[in-house]
Amino acid sequence: MQLPNQDMVPVSKGPFDSLEWKLMIHCFFDDSGKESDQGNKFVCIAGYMAVGDSVWSILANGWWHQLVRHGLVWLHMKDFMQSQGEYVSLGWDWPKKKAVLEDFIQVIKSAQLIGFGVAIDADAWKLVPKELTRVEGNAQQFCFMRIM
């Protein structure tokens, strides 16, 4: 092995060799269904991911605008689709609901969020051996860990 001397020119490094890369990812998660509820066929966790705060600002501003525009406090799909709770008094038919949802979908698209989701068949999950569920947790935990 030859030791370098002062006459040797150091080999240049690539442009990224000395840089540190840092990335902050922001996510929003929501779950639906519980395997213990007989009425739920699926357990799922879904959400959106964004890199940087500006994306969330675009979403928040657009979302707020649509809520105000349509006279809503929030959009909760379970109650919205069934015309339950705060949505009873609206009296909206399917074409109106669809139009409102399309407005919110456009906000999501304009924010360029990255969507993701994991779902499990609740009946199939109930058949998983207890030895495995003790390790993996309940169906919601299992879904969450698959996303991570």
N, C-alpha and C. Protein backbone atom coordinates (compact mmCIF):
# COMPACT_ATOMS: atom_id res chain seq x y z
N MET A 1 0.84 -1.18 0.00
CA MET A 1 0.00 0.00 0.00
C MET A 1 0.88 1.24 0.00
N GLN A 2 0.58 2.14 -0.87
CA GLN A 2 1.35 3.39 -0.97
C GLN A 2 0.62 4.50 -0.23
N LEU A 3 1.33 5.19 0.60
CA LEU A 3 0.73 6.30 1.34
C LEU A 3 0.72 7.55 0.46
N PRO A 4 -0.32 8.35 0.55
CA PRO A 4 -0.36 9.56 -0.28
C PRO A 4 0.68 10.56 0.17
N ASN A 5 1.27 11.27 -0.78
CA ASN A 5 2.19 12.34 -0.42
C ASN A 5 1.61 13.68 -0.84
N GLN A 6 2.30 14.73 -0.54
CA GLN A 6 1.77 16.07 -0.80
C GLN A 6 1.66 16.38 -2.28
N ASP A 7 2.34 15.63 -3.13
CA ASP A 7 2.28 15.88 -4.56
C ASP A 7 1.03 15.28 -5.20
N MET A 8 0.34 14.42 -4.49
CA MET A 8 -0.84 13.77 -5.05
C MET A 8 -2.04 14.71 -4.97
N VAL A 9 -2.82 14.71 -6.01
CA VAL A 9 -4.03 15.53 -6.05
C VAL A 9 -5.17 14.70 -5.47
N PRO A 10 -5.92 15.27 -4.52
CA PRO A 10 -7.04 14.50 -3.96
C PRO A 10 -8.11 14.24 -5.01
N VAL A 11 -8.72 13.11 -4.92
CA VAL A 11 -9.80 12.75 -5.83
C VAL A 11 -11.02 13.58 -5.44
N SER A 12 -11.65 14.21 -6.41
CA SER A 12 -12.82 15.03 -6.08
C SER A 12 -14.00 14.13 -5.74
N LYS A 13 -14.78 14.59 -4.84
CA LYS A 13 -15.98 13.86 -4.44
C LYS A 13 -17.15 14.29 -5.32
N GLY A 14 -18.15 13.46 -5.32
CA GLY A 14 -19.36 13.80 -6.06
C GLY A 14 -20.07 14.97 -5.40
N PRO A 15 -21.02 15.57 -6.10
CA PRO A 15 -21.68 16.77 -5.57
C PRO A 15 -22.53 16.50 -4.33
N PHE A 16 -22.86 15.25 -4.06
CA PHE A 16 -23.74 14.97 -2.93
C PHE A 16 -23.01 14.31 -1.76
N ASP A 17 -21.70 14.08 -1.90
CA ASP A 17 -20.97 13.35 -0.88
C ASP A 17 -20.90 14.08 0.45
N SER A 18 -20.88 15.39 0.44
CA SER A 18 -20.72 16.13 1.69
C SER A 18 -22.01 16.77 2.19
N LEU A 19 -23.09 16.59 1.47
CA LEU A 19 -24.34 17.20 1.87
C LEU A 19 -25.13 16.28 2.79
N GLU A 20 -25.82 16.86 3.73
CA GLU A 20 -26.75 16.10 4.55
C GLU A 20 -28.14 16.28 3.98
N TRP A 21 -28.86 15.21 3.86
CA TRP A 21 -30.22 15.25 3.33
C TRP A 21 -31.19 15.06 4.49
N LYS A 22 -32.13 15.97 4.58
CA LYS A 22 -33.16 15.87 5.60
C LYS A 22 -34.51 16.04 4.93
N LEU A 23 -35.46 15.30 5.40
CA LEU A 23 -36.78 15.34 4.80
C LEU A 23 -37.82 15.26 5.91
N MET A 24 -38.74 16.18 5.91
CA MET A 24 -39.84 16.15 6.86
C MET A 24 -41.10 15.76 6.11
N ILE A 25 -41.70 14.68 6.53
CA ILE A 25 -42.93 14.19 5.89
C ILE A 25 -44.06 14.36 6.89
N HIS A 26 -45.13 14.99 6.46
CA HIS A 26 -46.31 15.18 7.30
C HIS A 26 -47.41 14.27 6.75
N CYS A 27 -48.08 13.59 7.66
CA CYS A 27 -49.15 12.68 7.26
C CYS A 27 -50.41 12.94 8.07
N PHE A 28 -51.53 12.64 7.46
CA PHE A 28 -52.82 12.65 8.14
C PHE A 28 -53.41 11.25 7.97
N PHE A 29 -53.79 10.61 9.07
CA PHE A 29 -54.37 9.27 9.05
C PHE A 29 -55.79 9.30 9.58
N ASP A 30 -56.61 8.40 9.09
CA ASP A 30 -57.94 8.20 9.64
C ASP A 30 -58.26 6.72 9.50
N ASP A 31 -58.92 6.19 10.52
CA ASP A 31 -59.28 4.77 10.46
C ASP A 31 -60.78 4.62 10.36
N SER A 32 -61.18 3.44 9.94
CA SER A 32 -62.60 3.13 9.83
C SER A 32 -62.79 1.66 10.13
N GLY A 33 -63.80 1.38 10.93
CA GLY A 33 -64.14 0.00 11.23
C GLY A 33 -63.35 -0.59 12.39
N LYS A 34 -63.97 -1.50 13.06
CA LYS A 34 -63.35 -2.26 14.15
C LYS A 34 -63.70 -3.73 13.91
N GLU A 35 -62.71 -4.60 14.10
CA GLU A 35 -62.99 -6.02 13.86
C GLU A 35 -64.01 -6.58 14.85
N SER A 36 -64.17 -5.92 16.00
CA SER A 36 -65.12 -6.38 17.01
C SER A 36 -66.56 -6.02 16.66
N ASP A 37 -66.76 -5.09 15.73
CA ASP A 37 -68.10 -4.67 15.31
C ASP A 37 -68.58 -5.57 14.18
N GLN A 38 -69.62 -6.33 14.41
CA GLN A 38 -70.13 -7.28 13.42
C GLN A 38 -70.61 -6.60 12.14
N GLY A 39 -70.95 -5.33 12.23
CA GLY A 39 -71.44 -4.61 11.06
C GLY A 39 -70.34 -4.16 10.11
N ASN A 40 -69.09 -4.23 10.53
CA ASN A 40 -67.98 -3.80 9.69
C ASN A 40 -67.39 -4.97 8.92
N LYS A 41 -67.39 -4.85 7.61
CA LYS A 41 -66.79 -5.89 6.77
C LYS A 41 -65.30 -5.67 6.59
N PHE A 42 -64.86 -4.41 6.77
CA PHE A 42 -63.45 -4.09 6.58
C PHE A 42 -62.96 -3.17 7.68
N VAL A 43 -61.69 -3.28 7.98
CA VAL A 43 -61.00 -2.37 8.88
C VAL A 43 -59.94 -1.70 8.01
N CYS A 44 -59.87 -0.39 8.07
CA CYS A 44 -58.89 0.28 7.21
C CYS A 44 -58.32 1.52 7.88
N ILE A 45 -57.16 1.87 7.40
CA ILE A 45 -56.53 3.15 7.73
C ILE A 45 -56.07 3.74 6.41
N ALA A 46 -56.41 4.98 6.21
CA ALA A 46 -56.02 5.66 4.98
C ALA A 46 -55.59 7.07 5.33
N GLY A 47 -54.98 7.72 4.39
CA GLY A 47 -54.58 9.08 4.66
C GLY A 47 -53.83 9.71 3.50
N TYR A 48 -53.24 10.83 3.82
CA TYR A 48 -52.47 11.58 2.84
C TYR A 48 -51.13 11.97 3.44
N MET A 49 -50.15 12.04 2.57
CA MET A 49 -48.81 12.43 2.96
C MET A 49 -48.40 13.63 2.11
N ALA A 50 -47.61 14.50 2.72
CA ALA A 50 -47.11 15.66 1.99
C ALA A 50 -45.71 16.00 2.48
N VAL A 51 -44.92 16.48 1.57
CA VAL A 51 -43.58 16.94 1.91
C VAL A 51 -43.64 18.47 1.93
N GLY A 52 -43.45 19.04 3.10
CA GLY A 52 -43.46 20.49 3.23
C GLY A 52 -44.79 21.03 3.72
N ASP A 53 -44.70 22.13 4.41
CA ASP A 53 -45.89 22.76 4.99
C ASP A 53 -46.76 23.46 3.96
N SER A 54 -46.19 23.89 2.85
CA SER A 54 -46.98 24.64 1.87
C SER A 54 -48.10 23.79 1.29
N VAL A 55 -47.87 22.50 1.15
CA VAL A 55 -48.90 21.61 0.62
C VAL A 55 -50.10 21.58 1.56
N TRP A 56 -49.81 21.48 2.87
CA TRP A 56 -50.90 21.44 3.84
C TRP A 56 -51.65 22.78 3.89
N SER A 57 -50.95 23.86 3.68
CA SER A 57 -51.60 25.17 3.64
C SER A 57 -52.56 25.26 2.47
N ILE A 58 -52.15 24.76 1.32
CA ILE A 58 -53.02 24.74 0.14
C ILE A 58 -54.27 23.93 0.44
N LEU A 59 -54.08 22.75 1.04
CA LEU A 59 -55.21 21.90 1.38
C LEU A 59 -56.13 22.58 2.40
N ALA A 60 -55.55 23.09 3.48
CA ALA A 60 -56.36 23.69 4.55
C ALA A 60 -57.16 24.88 4.04
N ASN A 61 -56.53 25.74 3.27
CA ASN A 61 -57.23 26.91 2.74
C ASN A 61 -58.35 26.51 1.80
N GLY A 62 -58.07 25.58 0.91
CA GLY A 62 -59.09 25.12 -0.03
C GLY A 62 -60.23 24.39 0.67
N TRP A 63 -59.87 23.59 1.65
CA TRP A 63 -60.89 22.82 2.40
C TRP A 63 -61.81 23.78 3.16
N TRP A 64 -61.22 24.75 3.84
CA TRP A 64 -62.00 25.73 4.59
C TRP A 64 -62.93 26.49 3.65
N HIS A 65 -62.43 26.86 2.50
CA HIS A 65 -63.25 27.57 1.52
C HIS A 65 -64.47 26.74 1.13
N GLN A 66 -64.27 25.45 0.88
CA GLN A 66 -65.40 24.59 0.49
C GLN A 66 -66.38 24.39 1.64
N LEU A 67 -65.88 24.26 2.84
CA LEU A 67 -66.80 24.13 3.99
C LEU A 67 -67.70 25.36 4.09
N VAL A 68 -67.10 26.55 4.02
CA VAL A 68 -67.87 27.79 4.10
C VAL A 68 -68.83 27.89 2.92
N ARG A 69 -68.33 27.61 1.74
CA ARG A 69 -69.14 27.70 0.52
C ARG A 69 -70.40 26.84 0.59
N HIS A 70 -70.26 25.66 1.19
CA HIS A 70 -71.40 24.73 1.25
C HIS A 70 -72.12 24.75 2.60
N GLY A 71 -71.74 25.66 3.49
CA GLY A 71 -72.42 25.79 4.77
C GLY A 71 -72.21 24.60 5.70
N LEU A 72 -71.02 24.00 5.65
CA LEU A 72 -70.71 22.83 6.48
C LEU A 72 -69.73 23.20 7.58
N VAL A 73 -69.82 22.50 8.70
CA VAL A 73 -68.86 22.67 9.78
C VAL A 73 -67.65 21.76 9.52
N TRP A 74 -67.92 20.56 9.05
CA TRP A 74 -66.89 19.59 8.67
C TRP A 74 -67.50 18.61 7.71
N LEU A 75 -66.66 17.75 7.14
CA LEU A 75 -67.15 16.73 6.23
C LEU A 75 -66.80 15.37 6.81
N HIS A 76 -67.80 14.69 7.34
CA HIS A 76 -67.64 13.35 7.90
C HIS A 76 -68.45 12.40 7.02
N MET A 77 -67.74 11.60 6.24
CA MET A 77 -68.37 10.81 5.18
C MET A 77 -69.48 9.89 5.67
N LYS A 78 -69.27 9.23 6.80
CA LYS A 78 -70.28 8.28 7.28
C LYS A 78 -71.63 8.97 7.47
N ASP A 79 -71.62 10.11 8.11
CA ASP A 79 -72.87 10.84 8.34
C ASP A 79 -73.33 11.58 7.09
N PHE A 80 -72.38 12.13 6.33
CA PHE A 80 -72.72 12.86 5.12
C PHE A 80 -73.47 11.98 4.12
N MET A 81 -72.93 10.80 3.87
CA MET A 81 -73.54 9.90 2.87
C MET A 81 -74.90 9.37 3.31
N GLN A 82 -75.09 9.22 4.61
CA GLN A 82 -76.35 8.70 5.14
C GLN A 82 -77.33 9.81 5.52
N SER A 83 -76.95 11.06 5.33
CA SER A 83 -77.76 12.22 5.75
C SER A 83 -78.15 12.10 7.21
N GLN A 84 -77.15 11.87 8.05
CA GLN A 84 -77.35 11.74 9.49
C GLN A 84 -76.72 12.93 10.21
N GLY A 85 -77.02 13.06 11.50
CA GLY A 85 -76.40 14.09 12.32
C GLY A 85 -76.64 15.48 11.77
N GLU A 86 -75.58 16.25 11.67
CA GLU A 86 -75.69 17.64 11.22
C GLU A 86 -76.10 17.77 9.77
N TYR A 87 -76.11 16.66 9.01
CA TYR A 87 -76.46 16.71 7.59
C TYR A 87 -77.95 16.45 7.32
N VAL A 88 -78.72 16.05 8.33
CA VAL A 88 -80.14 15.77 8.16
C VAL A 88 -80.88 16.97 7.59
N SER A 89 -80.61 18.13 8.15
CA SER A 89 -81.36 19.33 7.77
C SER A 89 -81.04 19.83 6.35
N LEU A 90 -79.95 19.35 5.75
CA LEU A 90 -79.58 19.81 4.41
C LEU A 90 -80.56 19.34 3.34
N GLY A 91 -81.04 18.12 3.48
CA GLY A 91 -81.99 17.58 2.50
C GLY A 91 -81.40 17.40 1.11
N TRP A 92 -80.09 17.17 1.02
CA TRP A 92 -79.45 17.04 -0.28
C TRP A 92 -79.68 15.67 -0.89
N ASP A 93 -79.98 15.64 -2.17
CA ASP A 93 -80.09 14.37 -2.90
C ASP A 93 -78.70 13.95 -3.38
N TRP A 94 -78.63 12.77 -4.04
CA TRP A 94 -77.34 12.26 -4.47
C TRP A 94 -76.61 13.20 -5.45
N PRO A 95 -77.27 13.77 -6.47
CA PRO A 95 -76.54 14.67 -7.36
C PRO A 95 -75.90 15.86 -6.63
N LYS A 96 -76.58 16.41 -5.64
CA LYS A 96 -76.02 17.53 -4.87
C LYS A 96 -74.83 17.05 -4.04
N LYS A 97 -74.98 15.92 -3.36
CA LYS A 97 -73.88 15.37 -2.56
C LYS A 97 -72.67 15.10 -3.44
N LYS A 98 -72.90 14.53 -4.60
CA LYS A 98 -71.82 14.20 -5.52
C LYS A 98 -71.09 15.47 -5.95
N ALA A 99 -71.83 16.52 -6.25
CA ALA A 99 -71.22 17.80 -6.65
C ALA A 99 -70.37 18.38 -5.52
N VAL A 100 -70.87 18.32 -4.30
CA VAL A 100 -70.13 18.83 -3.15
C VAL A 100 -68.84 18.01 -2.96
N LEU A 101 -68.96 16.70 -3.04
CA LEU A 101 -67.78 15.84 -2.90
C LEU A 101 -66.75 16.13 -3.98
N GLU A 102 -67.22 16.39 -5.19
CA GLU A 102 -66.29 16.71 -6.28
C GLU A 102 -65.52 17.99 -6.00
N ASP A 103 -66.16 18.95 -5.34
CA ASP A 103 -65.46 20.18 -4.95
C ASP A 103 -64.32 19.87 -3.96
N PHE A 104 -64.60 19.02 -2.99
CA PHE A 104 -63.57 18.66 -2.01
C PHE A 104 -62.48 17.81 -2.65
N ILE A 105 -62.85 16.94 -3.55
CA ILE A 105 -61.86 16.12 -4.26
C ILE A 105 -60.93 17.01 -5.07
N GLN A 106 -61.47 18.05 -5.68
CA GLN A 106 -60.64 18.98 -6.45
C GLN A 106 -59.63 19.69 -5.55
N VAL A 107 -60.02 20.00 -4.34
CA VAL A 107 -59.09 20.61 -3.39
C VAL A 107 -57.94 19.65 -3.10
N ILE A 108 -58.26 18.39 -2.88
CA ILE A 108 -57.22 17.39 -2.62
C ILE A 108 -56.29 17.26 -3.81
N LYS A 109 -56.85 17.20 -5.00
CA LYS A 109 -56.03 17.09 -6.21
C LYS A 109 -55.13 18.30 -6.39
N SER A 110 -55.64 19.49 -6.14
CA SER A 110 -54.85 20.70 -6.34
C SER A 110 -53.70 20.79 -5.35
N ALA A 111 -53.85 20.17 -4.18
CA ALA A 111 -52.78 20.19 -3.18
C ALA A 111 -51.68 19.19 -3.50
N GLN A 112 -51.92 18.30 -4.43
CA GLN A 112 -50.95 17.29 -4.85
C GLN A 112 -50.45 16.44 -3.68
N LEU A 113 -51.40 15.98 -2.89
CA LEU A 113 -51.08 15.09 -1.78
C LEU A 113 -50.83 13.68 -2.31
N ILE A 114 -50.15 12.89 -1.52
CA ILE A 114 -49.90 11.49 -1.85
C ILE A 114 -50.83 10.66 -0.98
N GLY A 115 -51.75 9.94 -1.60
CA GLY A 115 -52.71 9.13 -0.86
C GLY A 115 -52.21 7.72 -0.63
N PHE A 116 -52.65 7.12 0.48
CA PHE A 116 -52.29 5.74 0.79
C PHE A 116 -53.38 5.12 1.65
N GLY A 117 -53.41 3.82 1.70
CA GLY A 117 -54.38 3.14 2.54
C GLY A 117 -54.10 1.65 2.63
N VAL A 118 -54.57 1.07 3.72
CA VAL A 118 -54.47 -0.37 3.94
C VAL A 118 -55.81 -0.81 4.51
N ALA A 119 -56.32 -1.92 3.99
CA ALA A 119 -57.59 -2.47 4.49
C ALA A 119 -57.45 -3.96 4.73
N ILE A 120 -58.22 -4.44 5.69
CA ILE A 120 -58.23 -5.86 6.04
C ILE A 120 -59.68 -6.32 6.09
N ASP A 121 -59.91 -7.49 5.55
CA ASP A 121 -61.22 -8.13 5.64
C ASP A 121 -61.42 -8.52 7.11
N ALA A 122 -62.41 -7.93 7.76
CA ALA A 122 -62.61 -8.14 9.20
C ALA A 122 -62.93 -9.60 9.52
N ASP A 123 -63.71 -10.27 8.68
CA ASP A 123 -64.02 -11.69 8.93
C ASP A 123 -62.77 -12.55 8.84
N ALA A 124 -61.91 -12.26 7.87
CA ALA A 124 -60.66 -13.02 7.73
C ALA A 124 -59.75 -12.75 8.93
N TRP A 125 -59.72 -11.49 9.41
CA TRP A 125 -58.87 -11.16 10.54
C TRP A 125 -59.28 -11.94 11.78
N LYS A 126 -60.56 -12.16 11.95
CA LYS A 126 -61.04 -12.92 13.11
C LYS A 126 -60.56 -14.36 13.11
N LEU A 127 -60.16 -14.87 11.95
CA LEU A 127 -59.67 -16.24 11.83
C LEU A 127 -58.16 -16.36 12.06
N VAL A 128 -57.47 -15.22 12.18
CA VAL A 128 -56.02 -15.23 12.40
C VAL A 128 -55.76 -15.80 13.80
N PRO A 129 -54.79 -16.72 13.92
CA PRO A 129 -54.50 -17.31 15.24
C PRO A 129 -54.12 -16.25 16.28
N LYS A 130 -54.55 -16.46 17.50
CA LYS A 130 -54.30 -15.51 18.59
C LYS A 130 -52.80 -15.31 18.83
N GLU A 131 -51.99 -16.33 18.55
CA GLU A 131 -50.53 -16.18 18.73
C GLU A 131 -50.01 -15.04 17.85
N LEU A 132 -50.57 -14.91 16.66
CA LEU A 132 -50.15 -13.85 15.74
C LEU A 132 -50.72 -12.50 16.14
N THR A 133 -51.98 -12.46 16.54
CA THR A 133 -52.58 -11.17 16.90
C THR A 133 -51.97 -10.61 18.18
N ARG A 134 -51.44 -11.47 19.05
CA ARG A 134 -50.74 -10.96 20.24
C ARG A 134 -49.47 -10.22 19.83
N VAL A 135 -48.86 -10.66 18.74
CA VAL A 135 -47.64 -10.02 18.25
C VAL A 135 -47.99 -8.80 17.39
N GLU A 136 -48.94 -8.96 16.48
CA GLU A 136 -49.27 -7.92 15.50
C GLU A 136 -50.24 -6.87 16.04
N GLY A 137 -50.95 -7.17 17.11
CA GLY A 137 -51.94 -6.24 17.65
C GLY A 137 -53.30 -6.45 17.00
N ASN A 138 -54.19 -5.48 17.19
CA ASN A 138 -55.51 -5.58 16.59
C ASN A 138 -55.43 -5.20 15.11
N ALA A 139 -56.54 -5.25 14.43
CA ALA A 139 -56.55 -4.99 12.98
C ALA A 139 -56.11 -3.56 12.65
N GLN A 140 -56.50 -2.59 13.46
CA GLN A 140 -56.09 -1.21 13.22
C GLN A 140 -54.57 -1.07 13.36
N GLN A 141 -54.01 -1.67 14.38
CA GLN A 141 -52.56 -1.62 14.58
C GLN A 141 -51.82 -2.31 13.44
N PHE A 142 -52.37 -3.43 12.99
CA PHE A 142 -51.78 -4.15 11.89
C PHE A 142 -51.75 -3.27 10.63
N CYS A 143 -52.87 -2.62 10.33
CA CYS A 143 -52.94 -1.73 9.17
C CYS A 143 -51.94 -0.59 9.30
N PHE A 144 -51.89 0.03 10.47
CA PHE A 144 -50.99 1.16 10.68
C PHE A 144 -49.54 0.76 10.47
N MET A 145 -49.16 -0.38 11.00
CA MET A 145 -47.77 -0.83 10.84
C MET A 145 -47.44 -1.14 9.38
N ARG A 146 -48.41 -1.56 8.59
CA ARG A 146 -48.15 -1.80 7.17
C ARG A 146 -47.90 -0.48 6.44
N ILE A 147 -48.57 0.57 6.88
CA ILE A 147 -48.35 1.89 6.27
C ILE A 147 -46.96 2.40 6.64
N MET A 148 -46.59 2.21 7.91
CA MET A 148 -45.28 2.71 8.34
C MET A 148 -44.18 1.95 7.67
